[in-house]
Amino acid sequence: MNLPEAFLARMKKQLGAEYDAFVASYDADTSYGLRLNLLKGTVDEIIPVLPFALTNVPWIRKDFM
C-alpha cells in the first residue's frame, strides 16, 4: 500500500515499537466482520437469507450463532 509519508511519520512517532507491526498489517489479508441487529430478527431468521457463509470467531459465544 502506498501511504503518504506525512502519515507514516506521524504514525511512527505515535506507535514507537509497534510501528513495524502496523505497517505490516497493510500487507496482511483483509478480515471482515458482521454484527446482527437482533431487533430486526433472530439469528435463525437472518443467517439463512445472507448471500455468504459465516464462520465463528473465538471471542463470540457459540450459542450466538
Protein backbone atom coordinates (compact mmCIF):
# COMPACT_ATOMS: atom_id res chain seq x y z
CA MET A 1 0.00 0.00 0.00
CA ASN A 2 1.29 3.44 -0.86
CA LEU A 3 0.64 5.61 2.20
CA PRO A 4 1.51 9.33 2.44
CA GLU A 5 4.92 9.96 4.01
CA ALA A 6 3.47 12.53 6.44
CA PHE A 7 1.01 9.92 7.71
CA LEU A 8 3.75 7.29 8.12
CA ALA A 9 5.96 9.74 10.00
CA ARG A 10 3.12 10.67 12.36
CA MET A 11 2.25 7.02 12.99
CA LYS A 12 5.90 6.11 13.62
CA LYS A 13 6.07 8.83 16.27
CA GLN A 14 2.81 7.74 17.90
CA LEU A 15 3.33 3.97 17.76
CA GLY A 16 7.02 3.68 18.56
CA ALA A 17 7.97 -0.01 18.79
CA GLU A 18 4.60 -1.09 17.36
CA TYR A 19 5.12 0.85 14.11
CA ASP A 20 6.61 -2.07 12.13
CA ALA A 21 3.65 -4.32 13.00
CA PHE A 22 1.28 -1.51 12.00
CA VAL A 23 2.89 -1.12 8.56
CA ALA A 24 3.00 -4.91 8.06
CA SER A 25 -0.73 -5.10 8.79
CA TYR A 26 -1.42 -3.33 5.49
CA ASP A 27 0.03 -6.33 3.63
CA ALA A 28 -1.99 -8.91 5.57
CA ASP A 29 -5.21 -10.47 4.29
CA THR A 30 -8.29 -8.37 4.97
CA SER A 31 -10.71 -9.64 7.60
CA TYR A 32 -14.38 -8.74 7.57
CA GLY A 33 -16.87 -8.84 10.40
CA LEU A 34 -20.62 -8.76 10.69
CA ARG A 35 -22.83 -7.83 13.58
CA LEU A 36 -26.51 -8.63 13.55
CA ASN A 37 -29.17 -6.27 14.82
CA LEU A 38 -31.31 -8.67 16.83
CA LEU A 39 -34.07 -6.07 16.98
CA LYS A 40 -34.56 -6.81 13.26
CA GLY A 41 -34.88 -10.57 13.67
CA THR A 42 -33.39 -13.62 15.33
CA VAL A 43 -30.13 -15.26 14.31
CA ASP A 44 -32.12 -18.20 12.91
CA GLU A 45 -34.14 -15.81 10.71
CA ILE A 46 -31.24 -13.68 9.48
CA ILE A 47 -28.44 -16.20 8.79
CA PRO A 48 -30.30 -18.27 6.16
CA VAL A 49 -31.03 -15.23 3.95
CA LEU A 50 -27.45 -13.95 3.84
CA PRO A 51 -25.76 -14.36 0.44
CA PHE A 52 -22.50 -15.62 2.00
CA ALA A 53 -21.25 -18.14 4.53
CA LEU A 54 -20.21 -17.16 8.03
CA THR A 55 -17.66 -18.63 10.42
CA ASN A 56 -17.49 -18.08 14.15
CA VAL A 57 -14.68 -16.16 15.77
CA PRO A 58 -13.18 -17.44 19.04
CA TRP A 59 -14.31 -14.50 21.16
CA ILE A 60 -18.04 -14.82 20.40
CA ARG A 61 -20.26 -17.25 22.29
CA LYS A 62 -21.04 -20.37 20.22
CA ASP A 63 -24.74 -20.23 21.16
CA PHE A 64 -24.97 -16.86 19.49
CA MET A 65 -24.79 -18.40 16.00
